[in-house]
Amino acid sequence: MEYWGRVARRAFKEATVAASLGSVERIAVSLLTQAVIATGIYIGLGSAGFEAAAPMRIILAAAPFFTIPILFFIKLVTVPGAIDKETRASIPSIPSREPDGIYQFGQLVGRAIGAKRVRGAYYFDAIEDIYGFDPDREFEYRNVVLYNNMTNNPVTKDVTDTGVIYRPVLGWISRERNG
């Protein structure tokens, strides 16, 4: 109910603004304008002209108020989309992940080189250490959490001119991410 109350309040506010009655001052100006016009008719045409013009003056004075319900229902249809658009714009976007990135603790720490998936296990030709990759800990590659079975699969560490590269002898064993 809170959402629809918010929608109704905003629709009413937008309807009154669209009808040029968005504030107390605008309502007062609209009514005073009609009073000034009615006074001018009375002075210019006398009481007979004033009486003949009275029904039309009343209708014209009330016209903005008659349009509010129509505008309210129009706004009631358009406001939810506007609220949704504003809400989506206010939500920070999730940063995209590098497709061959290796992540530990949510941070990019390495890059997979020559990744292959064979019978439930991922095999990499190498993992380039970008920033603090720890081959002894679980890591994320795409949508899979991986760990190295160190007893059966030692990892060699090569220090090159461009950085550190870890090369598994057999490959990393994977397990699917829970949740």
Foldseek 3Di string as FASTA:
>chain_A
DVVLVVQLVVLLLVLCVVLQNNDPVSLVVLLVVLVVVLVVQCVVVNPVSSVVCVVVSVCSSCVSVVSSVVSSVVSSVVSVVVVVVVVVVPDDDDDDDDQQFKADPRDGFWGFACWDDDPQFIFGQKIFGDHDDDLQDWIDHDQWIWHAPCVVWPWDWDQDPVGIIIGIPGGIHIDGDDD
